[in-house]
Protein backbone atom coordinates (compact mmCIF):
# COMPACT_ATOMS: atom_id res chain seq x y z
CA UNK A 1 0.00 0.00 0.00
CA UNK A 2 2.79 2.45 0.93
CA UNK A 3 4.60 1.83 -2.34
CA UNK A 4 1.58 2.39 -4.53
CA UNK A 5 0.66 5.45 -2.46
CA UNK A 6 4.11 6.96 -3.04
CA UNK A 7 3.84 6.41 -6.78
CA UNK A 8 0.36 7.93 -6.91
CA UNK A 9 1.12 10.96 -4.74
CA UNK A 10 4.26 11.96 -6.58
CA UNK A 11 2.69 11.39 -9.96
CA UNK A 12 0.10 14.00 -8.98
CA UNK A 13 2.67 16.33 -7.38
CA UNK A 14 5.25 16.46 -10.17
CA UNK A 15 2.82 16.44 -13.06
CA UNK A 16 0.93 19.14 -11.19
CA UNK A 17 4.10 21.22 -10.88
CA UNK A 18 4.71 20.92 -14.61
CA UNK A 19 1.15 22.06 -15.32
CA UNK A 20 1.62 25.13 -13.09
CA UNK A 21 5.00 25.93 -14.68
CA UNK A 22 3.70 25.53 -18.23
CA UNK A 23 0.69 27.76 -17.45
CA UNK A 24 2.78 30.47 -15.78
CA UNK A 25 5.61 30.27 -18.31
CA UNK A 26 4.07 29.04 -21.58
CA UNK A 27 6.62 27.45 -23.91
CA UNK A 28 7.09 30.17 -26.50
CA UNK A 29 9.25 28.25 -28.97
CA UNK A 30 11.89 25.59 -29.46
CA UNK A 31 14.57 27.55 -27.59
CA UNK A 32 12.22 28.08 -24.67
CA UNK A 33 11.40 24.36 -24.60
CA UNK A 34 14.96 23.01 -24.69
CA UNK A 35 16.95 25.90 -23.12
CA UNK A 36 14.36 27.50 -20.78
CA UNK A 37 14.86 30.94 -22.34
CA UNK A 38 18.57 30.98 -21.33
CA UNK A 39 17.89 32.97 -18.17
CA UNK A 40 17.68 30.50 -15.24
CA UNK A 41 19.36 31.75 -11.98
CA UNK A 42 22.51 29.92 -10.84
CA UNK A 43 20.93 28.84 -7.53
CA UNK A 44 18.24 26.84 -9.35
CA UNK A 45 20.76 25.35 -11.77
CA UNK A 46 23.08 24.33 -8.89
CA UNK A 47 20.26 22.44 -7.19
CA UNK A 48 19.26 20.88 -10.52
CA UNK A 49 22.83 19.80 -11.34
CA UNK A 50 23.23 18.23 -7.92
CA UNK A 51 20.06 16.15 -8.01
CA UNK A 52 20.41 15.20 -11.68
CA UNK A 53 23.84 13.72 -10.84
CA UNK A 54 22.35 11.92 -7.83
CA UNK A 55 21.39 8.73 -9.62
CA UNK A 56 19.86 5.63 -8.15
CA UNK A 57 23.43 4.40 -8.77
CA UNK A 58 24.82 7.19 -6.58
CA UNK A 59 22.89 5.73 -3.68
CA UNK A 60 22.66 2.03 -4.49
CA UNK A 61 25.76 1.71 -6.68
CA UNK A 62 27.91 3.56 -4.15
CA UNK A 63 26.59 1.23 -1.44
CA UNK A 64 27.46 -1.69 -3.71
CA UNK A 65 30.95 -0.19 -4.18
CA UNK A 66 31.24 -0.02 -0.39
CA UNK A 67 30.44 -3.73 -0.21
CA UNK A 68 32.91 -4.58 -2.99
CA UNK A 69 35.84 -2.36 -1.97
CA UNK A 70 35.21 -1.39 1.65
CA UNK A 71 35.59 2.17 2.96
CA UNK A 72 37.43 3.20 -0.22
CA UNK A 73 34.47 2.22 -2.42
CA UNK A 74 32.24 5.23 -1.74
CA UNK A 75 35.20 7.62 -1.72
CA UNK A 76 36.45 6.26 -5.06
CA UNK A 77 32.94 6.57 -6.50
CA UNK A 78 32.67 10.21 -5.41
CA UNK A 79 36.15 11.31 -6.50
CA UNK A 80 36.15 9.40 -9.79
CA UNK A 81 32.71 10.58 -10.84
CA UNK A 82 33.39 14.22 -10.00
CA UNK A 83 36.53 14.55 -12.18
CA UNK A 84 34.67 14.83 -15.54
CA UNK A 85 32.70 17.80 -14.23
CA UNK A 86 35.95 19.74 -14.01
CA UNK A 87 36.40 19.00 -17.70
CA UNK A 88 32.79 19.86 -18.50
CA UNK A 89 32.87 23.25 -16.75
CA UNK A 90 35.60 24.87 -18.93
CA UNK A 91 34.14 23.07 -21.94
CA UNK A 92 30.68 24.63 -21.59
CA UNK A 93 32.11 28.02 -20.64
CA UNK A 94 34.16 28.00 -23.82
CA UNK A 95 31.21 26.74 -25.85
CA UNK A 96 29.03 29.63 -24.67
CA UNK A 97 31.80 32.06 -25.58
CA UNK A 98 32.76 30.61 -28.98
CA UNK A 99 29.27 29.63 -30.17
CA UNK A 100 26.70 31.86 -28.40
CA UNK A 101 23.68 30.55 -30.31
CA UNK A 102 24.51 26.88 -29.69
CA UNK A 103 21.84 24.73 -28.04
CA UNK A 104 23.27 21.19 -28.20
CA UNK A 105 26.78 19.80 -28.18
CA UNK A 106 26.05 17.98 -31.45
CA UNK A 107 25.37 21.36 -33.11
CA UNK A 108 28.92 22.30 -32.18
CA UNK A 109 30.25 18.95 -33.43
CA UNK A 110 28.58 19.46 -36.82
CA UNK A 111 30.06 22.92 -37.26
CA UNK A 112 33.46 21.74 -36.03
CA UNK A 113 33.80 18.33 -37.71
CA UNK A 114 30.96 18.03 -40.24
CA UNK A 115 27.68 16.15 -40.57
CA UNK A 116 29.11 12.59 -40.43
CA UNK A 117 30.91 13.08 -37.11
CA UNK A 118 27.87 14.91 -35.76
CA UNK A 119 25.71 11.88 -36.59
CA UNK A 120 28.16 9.62 -34.77
CA UNK A 121 28.05 11.82 -31.67
CA UNK A 122 24.26 11.99 -31.90
CA UNK A 123 24.13 8.20 -31.66
CA UNK A 124 26.51 8.20 -28.67
CA UNK A 125 24.56 11.02 -27.01
CA UNK A 126 21.25 9.18 -27.33
CA UNK A 127 22.96 5.96 -26.21
CA UNK A 128 24.20 7.60 -23.00
CA UNK A 129 20.75 8.99 -22.28
CA UNK A 130 19.06 5.64 -22.81
CA UNK A 131 21.61 3.86 -20.60
CA UNK A 132 21.21 6.40 -17.78
CA UNK A 133 17.43 6.16 -17.96
CA UNK A 134 17.63 2.36 -17.85
CA UNK A 135 19.87 2.53 -14.77
CA UNK A 136 17.31 4.73 -12.99
CA UNK A 137 14.44 2.39 -13.86
CA UNK A 138 16.35 -0.72 -12.72
CA UNK A 139 17.32 0.97 -9.45
CA UNK A 140 13.83 2.24 -8.63
CA UNK A 141 12.21 -1.04 -9.66
CA UNK A 142 14.62 -2.99 -7.43
CA UNK A 143 13.98 -0.74 -4.43
CA UNK A 144 10.17 -0.81 -4.70
CA UNK A 145 10.27 -4.57 -5.10
CA UNK A 146 12.68 -5.10 -2.18
CA UNK A 147 11.05 -2.67 0.24
CA UNK A 148 7.33 -2.97 -0.53
CA UNK A 149 6.91 -6.12 -2.61
CA UNK A 150 5.59 -4.12 -5.56
CA UNK A 151 6.31 -5.96 -8.82
CA UNK A 152 9.65 -4.85 -10.21
CA UNK A 153 8.04 -4.10 -13.56
CA UNK A 154 5.62 -1.57 -12.01
CA UNK A 155 8.34 0.13 -9.97
CA UNK A 156 10.55 0.44 -13.03
CA UNK A 157 7.87 1.70 -15.42
CA UNK A 158 5.80 4.22 -13.48
CA UNK A 159 8.54 6.76 -12.54
CA UNK A 160 9.83 7.15 -16.10
CA UNK A 161 6.25 7.52 -17.33
CA UNK A 162 5.73 10.36 -14.82
CA UNK A 163 8.94 12.04 -15.97
CA UNK A 164 7.93 11.75 -19.63
CA UNK A 165 4.63 13.51 -18.91
CA UNK A 166 6.16 16.52 -17.16
CA UNK A 167 9.03 16.87 -19.66
CA UNK A 168 6.59 16.84 -22.55
CA UNK A 169 4.37 19.34 -20.75
CA UNK A 170 6.87 21.95 -19.52
CA UNK A 171 10.21 21.22 -21.20
CA UNK A 172 13.54 22.01 -19.52
CA UNK A 173 12.06 24.69 -17.26
CA UNK A 174 9.68 22.13 -15.80
CA UNK A 175 12.61 19.78 -15.22
CA UNK A 176 14.60 22.38 -13.31
CA UNK A 177 11.67 23.42 -11.10
CA UNK A 178 10.90 19.79 -10.26
CA UNK A 179 14.61 19.22 -9.59
CA UNK A 180 14.65 22.01 -7.00
CA UNK A 181 11.70 20.46 -5.15
CA UNK A 182 13.38 17.06 -5.19
CA UNK A 183 16.71 18.62 -4.09
CA UNK A 184 15.16 19.60 -0.77
CA UNK A 185 13.45 16.22 -0.35
CA UNK A 186 16.68 14.27 -0.97
CA UNK A 187 18.72 16.57 1.30
CA UNK A 188 16.25 16.33 4.19
CA UNK A 189 16.00 12.55 3.94
CA UNK A 190 19.81 12.15 3.89
CA UNK A 191 20.15 14.33 7.00
CA UNK A 192 17.52 12.28 8.84
CA UNK A 193 18.30 8.77 7.59
CA UNK A 194 22.08 8.45 7.99
CA UNK A 195 22.21 9.27 11.74
CA UNK A 196 19.39 6.79 12.33
CA UNK A 197 21.32 4.02 10.58
CA UNK A 198 24.52 4.79 12.48
CA UNK A 199 22.69 4.93 15.79
CA UNK A 200 20.93 1.61 15.19
CA UNK A 201 23.96 -0.35 13.94
CA UNK A 202 26.51 1.43 16.09
CA UNK A 203 29.74 2.83 14.67
CA UNK A 204 31.86 0.53 16.85
CA UNK A 205 29.85 -2.51 15.73
CA UNK A 206 30.35 -1.57 12.08
CA UNK A 207 34.09 -1.23 12.69
CA UNK A 208 34.31 -4.59 14.46
CA UNK A 209 32.38 -6.23 11.66
CA UNK A 210 34.77 -4.75 9.10
CA UNK A 211 37.73 -6.05 11.10
CA UNK A 212 36.25 -9.53 10.71
CA UNK A 213 35.88 -8.93 6.95
CA UNK A 214 39.58 -8.00 6.83
CA UNK A 215 40.95 -10.80 9.02
CA UNK A 216 38.56 -13.77 8.72
CA UNK A 217 38.97 -15.84 5.50
CA UNK A 218 35.73 -17.65 6.35
CA UNK A 219 33.74 -14.41 6.20
CA UNK A 220 31.56 -14.44 3.07
CA UNK A 221 32.77 -10.91 2.27
CA UNK A 222 36.44 -11.57 3.12
CA UNK A 223 38.50 -8.65 1.81
CA UNK A 224 41.88 -7.76 3.38
CA UNK A 225 41.56 -4.27 1.88
CA UNK A 226 38.12 -3.44 3.31
CA UNK A 227 39.53 -0.87 5.77
CA UNK A 228 42.31 0.41 3.53
CA UNK A 229 42.27 3.78 1.79
CA UNK A 230 44.97 2.62 -0.62
CA UNK A 231 43.61 -0.80 -1.59
CA UNK A 232 44.40 -1.79 -5.17
CA UNK A 233 40.81 -2.83 -5.95
CA UNK A 234 39.35 0.43 -4.72
CA UNK A 235 41.96 2.54 -6.53
CA UNK A 236 41.35 0.61 -9.77
CA UNK A 237 37.65 1.24 -9.37
CA UNK A 238 38.33 4.94 -8.77
CA UNK A 239 40.21 5.22 -12.07
CA UNK A 240 37.48 3.26 -13.83
CA UNK A 241 34.89 5.62 -12.31
CA UNK A 242 36.61 8.55 -14.03
CA UNK A 243 36.28 6.74 -17.36
CA UNK A 244 32.68 5.75 -16.70
CA UNK A 245 31.65 9.26 -15.73
CA UNK A 246 33.51 10.87 -18.64
CA UNK A 247 31.08 9.55 -21.22
CA UNK A 248 28.07 9.96 -18.95
CA UNK A 249 28.85 13.64 -18.28
CA UNK A 250 30.44 14.87 -21.49
CA UNK A 251 27.95 13.15 -23.82
CA UNK A 252 24.79 13.85 -21.81
CA UNK A 253 22.95 16.73 -23.47
CA UNK A 254 21.04 17.34 -20.24
CA UNK A 255 24.11 19.00 -18.66
CA UNK A 256 24.69 21.14 -21.75
CA UNK A 257 21.04 22.18 -21.76
CA UNK A 258 21.28 23.35 -18.16
CA UNK A 259 24.55 25.14 -18.91
CA UNK A 260 22.97 26.90 -21.89
CA UNK A 261 19.92 27.75 -19.77
CA UNK A 262 21.98 29.46 -17.03
CA UNK A 263 21.71 33.25 -17.03
CA UNK A 264 25.46 34.04 -17.30
CA UNK A 265 28.92 32.45 -17.40
CA UNK A 266 29.76 33.47 -13.82
CA UNK A 267 26.47 32.01 -12.68
CA UNK A 268 27.23 28.82 -14.60
CA UNK A 269 30.64 28.35 -12.95
CA UNK A 270 29.14 28.95 -9.52
CA UNK A 271 26.23 26.60 -10.17
CA UNK A 272 28.31 23.66 -11.34
CA UNK A 273 30.91 23.92 -8.57
CA UNK A 274 28.24 24.23 -5.87
CA UNK A 275 26.15 21.46 -7.36
CA UNK A 276 29.03 19.03 -7.82
CA UNK A 277 31.61 19.54 -5.06
CA UNK A 278 29.59 20.77 -2.13
CA UNK A 279 26.17 19.22 -2.72
CA UNK A 280 26.80 15.98 -4.60
CA UNK A 281 30.14 14.49 -3.48
CA UNK A 282 29.16 13.83 0.17
CA UNK A 283 26.23 11.62 -0.89
CA UNK A 284 28.11 8.66 -2.50
CA UNK A 285 30.76 8.82 0.24
CA UNK A 286 28.07 8.50 2.89
CA UNK A 287 26.18 5.79 0.98
CA UNK A 288 29.34 3.74 0.44
CA UNK A 289 30.62 4.02 3.99
CA UNK A 290 27.30 3.82 5.85
CA UNK A 291 25.05 1.58 3.74
CA UNK A 292 27.71 -0.52 1.98
CA UNK A 293 30.06 -0.99 4.92
CA UNK A 294 27.09 -1.41 7.23
CA UNK A 295 25.95 -4.46 5.24
CA UNK A 296 29.53 -5.77 5.12
CA UNK A 297 29.75 -5.59 8.90
CA UNK A 298 26.62 -7.74 9.26
CA UNK A 299 28.13 -10.67 7.35
CA UNK A 300 25.52 -10.44 4.61
CA UNK A 301 26.50 -10.99 0.98
CA UNK A 302 25.32 -12.12 -2.42
CA UNK A 303 23.69 -15.51 -2.02
CA UNK A 304 23.59 -15.04 1.76
CA UNK A 305 20.82 -12.56 2.39
CA UNK A 306 21.12 -10.69 -0.90
CA UNK A 307 20.11 -11.93 -4.31
CA UNK A 308 22.33 -9.25 -5.87
CA UNK A 309 24.71 -6.74 -4.25
CA UNK A 310 22.66 -3.83 -5.66
CA UNK A 311 20.20 -4.65 -2.85
CA UNK A 312 22.71 -3.64 -0.16
CA UNK A 313 21.17 -0.26 0.65
CA UNK A 314 17.51 -1.38 0.66
CA UNK A 315 18.48 -4.48 2.66
CA UNK A 316 19.95 -2.49 5.52
CA UNK A 317 17.01 -0.07 5.58
CA UNK A 318 14.54 -2.95 5.60
CA UNK A 319 16.49 -4.66 8.36
CA UNK A 320 16.50 -1.59 10.56
CA UNK A 321 13.04 -0.19 9.93
CA UNK A 322 11.09 -3.22 8.70
CA UNK A 323 8.92 -1.30 6.26
CA UNK A 324 8.34 1.61 8.67
CA UNK A 325 8.99 5.32 8.28
CA UNK A 326 12.73 4.89 7.67
CA UNK A 327 12.08 2.52 4.77
CA UNK A 328 9.58 4.94 3.26
CA UNK A 329 12.12 7.77 3.49
CA UNK A 330 14.79 5.69 1.81
CA UNK A 331 12.45 4.70 -1.01
CA UNK A 332 11.53 8.36 -1.45
CA UNK A 333 15.21 9.28 -1.70
CA UNK A 334 15.90 6.67 -4.40
CA UNK A 335 12.66 7.57 -6.17
CA UNK A 336 13.62 11.27 -6.20
CA UNK A 337 17.13 10.43 -7.41
CA UNK A 338 15.84 8.42 -10.33
CA UNK A 339 13.20 11.01 -11.21
CA UNK A 340 15.61 13.95 -11.29
CA UNK A 341 18.24 12.12 -13.32
CA UNK A 342 15.58 10.77 -15.65
CA UNK A 343 14.18 14.26 -16.10
CA UNK A 344 17.56 15.71 -17.01
CA UNK A 345 18.23 12.91 -19.49
CA UNK A 346 14.83 13.06 -21.15
CA UNK A 347 15.05 16.84 -21.52
CA UNK A 348 18.47 16.31 -23.15
CA UNK A 349 17.03 13.72 -25.53
CA UNK A 350 14.19 16.08 -26.32
CA UNK A 351 16.73 18.80 -27.18
CA UNK A 352 18.79 16.51 -29.42
CA UNK A 353 15.83 15.20 -31.39
CA UNK A 354 14.15 18.59 -31.58
CA UNK A 355 17.11 20.69 -32.73
CA UNK A 356 19.40 18.15 -34.41
CA UNK A 357 17.12 15.56 -35.94
CA UNK A 358 13.61 16.63 -36.91
CA UNK A 359 14.29 19.55 -39.27
CA UNK A 360 17.41 17.94 -40.74
CA UNK A 361 16.06 14.48 -41.48
CA UNK A 362 12.25 14.49 -41.18
CA UNK A 363 10.71 17.83 -42.11
CA UNK A 364 13.08 20.54 -43.35
CA UNK A 365 10.24 23.07 -43.67
CA UNK A 366 8.73 22.43 -40.24
CA UNK A 367 7.42 25.33 -38.19
CA UNK A 368 8.52 25.77 -34.57
CA UNK A 369 5.16 24.43 -33.42
CA UNK A 370 5.60 21.26 -35.52
CA UNK A 371 9.15 20.87 -34.20
CA UNK A 372 8.01 21.20 -30.58
CA UNK A 373 5.21 18.70 -31.20
CA UNK A 374 7.75 16.19 -32.48
CA UNK A 375 9.93 16.84 -29.41
CA UNK A 376 7.04 16.04 -27.11
CA UNK A 377 6.13 12.84 -28.98
CA UNK A 378 9.69 11.51 -29.10
CA UNK A 379 9.89 11.95 -25.32
CA UNK A 380 7.17 9.33 -24.89
CA UNK A 381 8.71 7.02 -27.51
CA UNK A 382 12.07 7.00 -25.69
CA UNK A 383 10.39 6.45 -22.33
CA UNK A 384 8.45 3.46 -23.69
CA UNK A 385 11.60 1.87 -25.13
CA UNK A 386 13.50 2.38 -21.88
CA UNK A 387 10.70 0.73 -19.88
CA UNK A 388 10.83 -2.40 -22.08
CA UNK A 389 14.63 -2.73 -21.82
CA UNK A 390 14.58 -2.08 -18.06
CA UNK A 391 12.10 -4.89 -17.50
CA UNK A 392 14.39 -7.26 -19.43
CA UNK A 393 17.34 -6.27 -17.18
CA UNK A 394 15.64 -7.28 -13.94
CA UNK A 395 18.16 -8.49 -11.35
CA UNK A 396 21.25 -7.05 -13.03
CA UNK A 397 23.99 -5.38 -10.97
CA UNK A 398 23.80 -1.58 -11.17
CA UNK A 399 27.52 -1.27 -10.44
CA UNK A 400 28.56 -3.64 -13.23
CA UNK A 401 26.14 -2.00 -15.67
CA UNK A 402 27.73 1.33 -14.78
CA UNK A 403 31.28 0.03 -15.23
CA UNK A 404 30.54 -1.53 -18.63
CA UNK A 405 28.92 1.71 -19.82
CA UNK A 406 32.31 3.39 -19.44
CA UNK A 407 33.76 1.16 -22.15
CA UNK A 408 30.92 2.07 -24.51
CA UNK A 409 30.85 5.83 -24.02
CA UNK A 410 34.35 7.04 -23.09
CA UNK A 411 35.85 6.68 -26.58
CA UNK A 412 34.34 9.83 -28.22
CA UNK A 413 35.24 12.19 -25.36
CA UNK A 414 38.81 12.90 -26.51
CA UNK A 415 37.64 14.12 -29.92
CA UNK A 416 34.98 16.26 -28.26
CA UNK A 417 37.47 17.94 -25.92
CA UNK A 418 40.12 18.39 -28.63
CA UNK A 419 37.53 19.84 -30.98
CA UNK A 420 36.89 22.64 -28.53
CA UNK A 421 40.48 23.50 -27.68
CA UNK A 422 42.63 22.42 -30.65
CA UNK A 423 42.56 23.88 -34.18
CA UNK A 424 44.27 20.98 -35.92
CA UNK A 425 42.04 18.07 -34.86
CA UNK A 426 39.97 17.09 -37.90
CA UNK A 427 37.05 14.78 -38.66
CA UNK A 428 39.22 11.80 -39.69
CA UNK A 429 41.06 11.93 -36.37
CA UNK A 430 37.72 12.12 -34.53
CA UNK A 431 36.27 9.10 -36.32
CA UNK A 432 39.37 6.89 -36.18
CA UNK A 433 40.08 7.64 -32.51
CA UNK A 434 36.50 6.86 -31.50
CA UNK A 435 36.22 3.59 -33.45
CA UNK A 436 39.65 2.27 -32.42
CA UNK A 437 39.13 3.27 -28.78
CA UNK A 438 35.73 1.62 -28.55
CA UNK A 439 36.95 -1.54 -30.26
CA UNK A 440 40.01 -1.85 -28.02
CA UNK A 441 37.93 -1.45 -24.84
CA UNK A 442 35.26 -3.97 -25.87
CA UNK A 443 37.82 -6.53 -27.10
CA UNK A 444 39.81 -6.26 -23.87
CA UNK A 445 36.69 -6.74 -21.77
CA UNK A 446 35.64 -9.93 -23.53
CA UNK A 447 39.11 -11.36 -24.21
CA UNK A 448 40.58 -11.00 -20.71
CA UNK A 449 39.29 -13.91 -18.66
CA UNK A 450 40.02 -12.42 -15.22
CA UNK A 451 36.74 -10.77 -14.06
CA UNK A 452 38.68 -8.63 -11.58
CA UNK A 453 40.77 -7.14 -14.39
CA UNK A 454 38.81 -7.12 -17.66
CA UNK A 455 36.51 -4.23 -16.71
CA UNK A 456 39.46 -2.09 -15.60
CA UNK A 457 41.57 -2.67 -18.72
CA UNK A 458 38.55 -2.21 -20.98
CA UNK A 459 37.70 1.16 -19.43
CA UNK A 460 41.27 2.46 -19.46
CA UNK A 461 41.79 1.48 -23.11
CA UNK A 462 38.48 3.03 -24.16
CA UNK A 463 39.56 6.38 -22.71
CA UNK A 464 43.32 6.40 -23.28
CA UNK A 465 43.67 4.89 -26.79
CA UNK A 466 41.54 7.65 -28.39
CA UNK A 467 43.42 10.29 -26.39
CA UNK A 468 46.76 9.07 -27.77
CA UNK A 469 45.40 8.97 -31.34
CA UNK A 470 43.92 12.48 -31.02
CA UNK A 471 47.14 13.94 -29.60
CA UNK A 472 49.41 12.36 -32.21
CA UNK A 473 46.99 13.07 -35.06
CA UNK A 474 46.55 16.70 -34.05
CA UNK A 475 50.32 17.24 -33.82
CA UNK A 476 50.98 15.99 -37.35
CA UNK A 477 47.81 17.37 -38.99
CA UNK A 478 48.19 20.65 -40.85
CA UNK A 479 44.48 21.52 -41.00
CA UNK A 480 43.42 24.54 -38.97
CA UNK A 481 39.84 25.24 -37.99
CA UNK A 482 38.66 28.85 -37.75
CA UNK A 483 36.79 29.11 -34.45
CA UNK A 484 35.69 32.66 -35.22
CA UNK A 485 33.05 31.45 -37.66
CA UNK A 486 31.22 29.72 -34.81
CA UNK A 487 30.17 33.12 -33.47
CA UNK A 488 28.09 33.64 -36.59
CA UNK A 489 26.26 30.32 -36.27
CA UNK A 490 22.49 30.69 -36.60
CA UNK A 491 20.31 27.64 -35.70
CA UNK A 492 17.04 26.68 -37.38
CA UNK A 493 15.03 28.08 -34.48
CA UNK A 494 14.82 31.51 -32.85
CA UNK A 495 17.22 32.08 -29.95
CA UNK A 496 16.79 34.37 -26.97
CA UNK A 497 19.24 37.16 -27.90
CA UNK A 498 19.07 38.84 -24.49
CA UNK A 499 20.52 35.85 -22.62
């Protein structure tokens, strides 16, 4: 009953918010739909960035990392996943300066490298969005099933359906307003929940349990590095997390949309630093060390209390609160995390299909109203596809899904970064580096038989091989791109000139 009530209440709340936003700020055109008029205050964007980067994986995957790598797991998750933001920040600042009328990163890619490379990046950009949405659905479905016994399929499908409705209704502005509401809900629940868990388990009991994990070979979770901050497994995961997050951040149009929507460059810098460092980083550290290590200390593991390690966080909350108020708060936190991330991703997909697909490949003479209509429809199509795939992935590890995604999406990032900063990187270098990098990472993953090593090597190759190709290719290439012409770029839709 509680689970269904949560789904029903928040469906009404967040769809209701989008109705209010769309009535108060009617979507005036394509730019207003996908870039919110380019005048959103930094405080709202900071809150939106924070919650959109709080995935279900941030909570449940970080807890799983805590189980797998001990106290270093959550720290490695936080540090590794934050690094790409410090690449994204100068990237978007430079993009706003060099190409003021730009709306999507694929628009920049087309002007910089040409239509073919832009199409390749479009595919990667949509791929990242679909993966992230799937991860949210799997996480929410797992939590609702574990905590309330609601069928996994219902828990996975309903939240993304809610998100699709309010994105289609109010566009990016509706996403940001909903994000701010969910920012406060997540923050309040974290402040209340973590002390309750620590008080119930006892910090000294957790420590003693971890000592047994370190020293007792008969412990199901035996790991000599569980209390180490320099353990090889945790450090390897930290490096892999950088690779994983690189593709997820740099190829996710949702972050570019919010950057474009921010009122000014100073506001943008402030928003992203506040949202990432001060608001987001503490969450995976806490989830890894409290939820993950808490489960480790209890002697519970996969096949011994858990069907899959992704259930670590909901297991400990169920154990402590038995379906009471604490469990409801935890479910709300995961639900909010998935909703905000899903909203950011779907708004990014809406922007990509609206500005970079419809008028170029479907209807070249479309009016802005026709273009917006297509953007709304494609939002529901993507949501439906994600729901089907998520149902098929029932029971899969969120952490391993996340790690494998790094191999798939890290390869194009070197060409993207070089394209912004280097004049001599050309389209051939971009294509070759991406294909070779992706192939090397995938081959390494499937050819290396050691499951403790293949994911690490695959991720490192997917990021580093393209970087080497881009650097060498750019040094020997004599082509020079004129960045000045980007300032004269005019998109197919009207842009807010006052932003």
